[in-house]
Amino acid sequence: MLTGKVIEESKIGNYSVIFRYPKFEDFEDTLKYINSLVEERVYIDMHKKMSKKGELKFLTLLLRNIENREAVSLVAEVNGKVGGLVNINKGVHAENHIGNLGIGLEKGIRGKGIGKKLIKLAINEAKKNLKTEIVELDVYAENKVALNLYKKSGFKKVGIVKKGSKKNGKYSDRILMVKYL
């Protein structure tokens, strides 16, 4: 069982960070985490805050997908609270060797190396548990911080979807990136 399994414990700057698989008991923290990102209006696809019911449904599905080897997900527990989360979802059928990555970090822990470490550990877990050979992602073109993080993590730009997202009435291009493992 992977639920709650600790992958690594680190001291990063002034932060004690535990990189681990999520567990159901993270519910309150993950709800606060995702809603803080929505409030901040960061570059995520969500427009509205997540309800308790919605977060319970998300977390239940996520934990099931992890146990069924359809996804890898790690949280960054920073000083005792979930402050970041990364998912790699396994492709299906002819694309089951490809994982799709998504990551988010609370404002206060960005730029400290936590995101880079979270991506690295999640990719290692995806190679081992999902047999992932390629990891892909898409990112808002104006999200320069994330683009830099992905480049530092070994991702290469492979394309652009013009007007690939529409949020708050505004179009944004999406940059497609890939990393071959």
Protein backbone atom coordinates (compact mmCIF):
# COMPACT_ATOMS: atom_id res chain seq x y z
CA MET A 1 0.00 0.00 0.00
CA LEU A 2 1.39 3.38 -1.03
CA THR A 3 -1.00 5.65 0.90
CA GLY A 4 1.08 7.89 3.18
CA LYS A 5 4.37 6.19 2.24
CA VAL A 6 7.32 8.51 2.89
CA ILE A 7 9.74 8.81 -0.04
CA GLU A 8 12.21 11.27 1.46
CA GLU A 9 12.66 13.67 4.36
CA SER A 10 14.73 16.79 3.77
CA LYS A 11 15.76 20.05 5.33
CA ILE A 12 15.40 22.72 2.64
CA GLY A 13 16.34 26.15 3.91
CA ASN A 14 14.32 26.74 7.07
CA TYR A 15 11.80 24.09 6.10
CA SER A 16 11.44 20.50 7.25
CA VAL A 17 9.94 18.76 4.23
CA ILE A 18 8.49 15.27 3.99
CA PHE A 19 7.89 14.06 0.45
CA ARG A 20 5.28 11.33 0.60
CA TYR A 21 2.22 9.81 -0.97
CA PRO A 22 -1.03 11.46 0.08
CA LYS A 23 -3.38 9.89 2.58
CA PHE A 24 -7.03 10.42 3.34
CA GLU A 25 -6.15 12.32 6.53
CA ASP A 26 -4.64 15.07 4.31
CA PHE A 27 -8.17 16.15 3.36
CA GLU A 28 -8.28 19.43 5.34
CA ASP A 29 -4.76 20.40 4.24
CA THR A 30 -5.35 19.62 0.56
CA LEU A 31 -8.62 21.56 0.60
CA LYS A 32 -6.88 24.62 2.09
CA TYR A 33 -3.97 24.18 -0.34
CA ILE A 34 -6.06 24.05 -3.53
CA ASN A 35 -8.32 26.89 -2.42
CA SER A 36 -5.30 29.07 -1.62
CA LEU A 37 -4.16 28.58 -5.23
CA VAL A 38 -7.62 29.51 -6.54
CA GLU A 39 -7.73 32.62 -4.31
CA GLU A 40 -4.30 33.65 -5.54
CA ARG A 41 -5.50 33.20 -9.14
CA VAL A 42 -2.38 31.28 -10.08
CA TYR A 43 -1.97 29.52 -13.39
CA ILE A 44 -4.25 26.55 -12.76
CA ASP A 45 -7.35 25.49 -14.62
CA MET A 46 -9.69 25.87 -11.64
CA HIS A 47 -11.81 29.01 -11.53
CA LYS A 48 -13.77 28.43 -8.32
CA LYS A 49 -12.86 27.24 -4.86
CA MET A 50 -13.19 23.53 -4.22
CA SER A 51 -16.02 22.43 -1.92
CA LYS A 52 -15.48 19.88 0.84
CA LYS A 53 -17.54 17.39 -1.16
CA GLY A 54 -15.49 18.06 -4.31
CA GLU A 55 -12.19 17.65 -2.47
CA LEU A 56 -13.37 14.40 -0.84
CA LYS A 57 -14.29 13.08 -4.28
CA PHE A 58 -10.94 14.21 -5.76
CA LEU A 59 -8.86 12.73 -2.93
CA THR A 60 -10.80 9.44 -2.94
CA LEU A 61 -10.30 9.04 -6.70
CA LEU A 62 -6.64 10.03 -6.44
CA LEU A 63 -5.93 7.45 -3.73
CA ARG A 64 -7.73 4.77 -5.74
CA ASN A 65 -5.73 5.62 -8.86
CA ILE A 66 -2.48 5.44 -6.90
CA GLU A 67 -3.30 2.02 -5.49
CA ASN A 68 -4.40 0.79 -8.95
CA ARG A 69 -1.07 1.97 -10.43
CA GLU A 70 -2.82 4.48 -12.67
CA ALA A 71 -1.18 7.51 -11.06
CA VAL A 72 1.65 8.64 -8.86
CA SER A 73 1.03 11.53 -6.52
CA LEU A 74 3.29 13.02 -3.88
CA VAL A 75 2.73 15.79 -1.39
CA ALA A 76 5.31 18.11 0.06
CA GLU A 77 4.48 18.26 3.75
CA VAL A 78 6.21 21.44 4.88
CA ASN A 79 6.56 22.00 8.60
CA GLY A 80 3.67 19.59 9.22
CA LYS A 81 1.20 20.90 6.58
CA VAL A 82 0.63 19.94 2.94
CA GLY A 83 2.03 22.81 0.89
CA GLY A 84 2.45 21.19 -2.50
CA LEU A 85 1.19 18.33 -4.59
CA VAL A 86 2.35 16.68 -7.81
CA ASN A 87 0.43 14.15 -9.90
CA ILE A 88 1.56 12.01 -12.78
CA ASN A 89 -1.38 10.29 -14.42
CA LYS A 90 -0.68 7.25 -16.58
CA GLY A 91 -1.86 7.32 -20.17
CA VAL A 92 -4.14 4.58 -21.46
CA HIS A 93 -3.90 2.02 -24.24
CA ALA A 94 -1.22 2.98 -26.78
CA GLU A 95 -0.12 5.83 -24.50
CA ASN A 96 0.30 3.87 -21.27
CA HIS A 97 4.06 4.56 -21.34
CA ILE A 98 3.35 8.31 -21.03
CA GLY A 99 2.61 10.18 -17.82
CA ASN A 100 0.94 13.59 -17.63
CA LEU A 101 2.33 15.82 -14.89
CA GLY A 102 0.62 18.54 -12.88
CA ILE A 103 2.08 20.36 -9.88
CA GLY A 104 1.18 23.17 -7.52
CA LEU A 105 2.90 24.82 -4.57
CA GLU A 106 1.60 27.30 -2.03
CA LYS A 107 2.98 30.80 -2.44
CA GLY A 108 5.25 30.79 0.61
CA ILE A 109 7.28 27.76 -0.45
CA ARG A 110 7.88 28.57 -4.12
CA GLY A 111 11.40 29.28 -5.31
CA LYS A 112 13.05 27.23 -2.57
CA GLY A 113 13.82 24.04 -4.54
CA ILE A 114 10.82 22.13 -3.16
CA GLY A 115 9.02 21.99 -6.52
CA LYS A 116 12.10 20.73 -8.35
CA LYS A 117 12.60 18.00 -5.73
CA LEU A 118 8.91 17.08 -5.84
CA ILE A 119 9.04 16.67 -9.63
CA LYS A 120 12.23 14.58 -9.48
CA LEU A 121 10.84 12.22 -6.84
CA ALA A 122 7.48 11.87 -8.62
CA ILE A 123 9.21 11.01 -11.91
CA ASN A 124 11.31 8.37 -10.15
CA GLU A 125 8.16 6.88 -8.62
CA ALA A 126 6.38 6.95 -12.01
CA LYS A 127 9.28 5.12 -13.68
CA LYS A 128 9.20 2.47 -10.97
CA ASN A 129 5.46 2.07 -10.35
CA LEU A 130 3.86 3.04 -13.66
CA LYS A 131 6.69 2.04 -16.04
CA THR A 132 6.62 5.60 -17.40
CA GLU A 133 9.02 6.34 -20.26
CA ILE A 134 7.89 9.86 -21.16
CA VAL A 135 6.45 12.63 -18.99
CA GLU A 136 4.47 15.42 -20.61
CA LEU A 137 2.85 18.58 -19.32
CA ASP A 138 1.35 21.81 -20.49
CA VAL A 139 1.87 25.22 -18.96
CA TYR A 140 0.45 28.71 -19.45
CA ALA A 141 2.87 30.62 -21.70
CA GLU A 142 2.99 33.61 -19.33
CA ASN A 143 3.88 31.44 -16.32
CA LYS A 144 7.62 32.15 -16.55
CA VAL A 145 8.38 30.74 -13.08
CA ALA A 146 6.87 27.35 -13.95
CA LEU A 147 8.52 27.32 -17.39
CA ASN A 148 11.89 27.88 -15.71
CA LEU A 149 11.21 25.10 -13.18
CA TYR A 150 10.29 22.65 -15.93
CA LYS A 151 13.38 23.53 -17.98
CA LYS A 152 15.59 23.04 -14.90
CA SER A 153 13.86 19.67 -14.42
CA GLY A 154 14.85 18.55 -17.92
CA PHE A 155 11.63 19.24 -19.87
CA LYS A 156 11.82 20.48 -23.46
CA LYS A 157 9.26 22.60 -25.30
CA VAL A 158 7.63 20.61 -28.12
CA GLY A 159 4.73 22.83 -29.16
CA ILE A 160 2.24 25.59 -28.48
CA VAL A 161 -1.54 25.54 -28.46
CA LYS A 162 -2.60 29.09 -29.30
CA LYS A 163 -5.48 30.22 -27.08
CA GLY A 164 -5.29 26.81 -25.39
CA SER A 165 -6.90 28.09 -22.18
CA LYS A 166 -9.61 30.60 -21.39
CA LYS A 167 -9.77 31.81 -17.82
CA ASN A 168 -11.74 34.78 -16.56
CA GLY A 169 -12.57 35.69 -20.16
CA LYS A 170 -8.91 35.88 -21.19
CA TYR A 171 -7.17 33.50 -23.59
CA SER A 172 -3.72 32.11 -22.87
CA ASP A 173 -1.41 30.04 -25.01
CA ARG A 174 -0.40 26.64 -23.61
CA ILE A 175 3.14 25.40 -24.06
CA LEU A 176 3.53 21.64 -24.39
CA MET A 177 6.66 20.18 -22.79
CA VAL A 178 8.08 16.68 -22.61
CA LYS A 179 10.83 14.79 -20.81
CA TYR A 180 12.11 11.44 -22.08
CA LEU A 181 13.25 9.20 -19.23
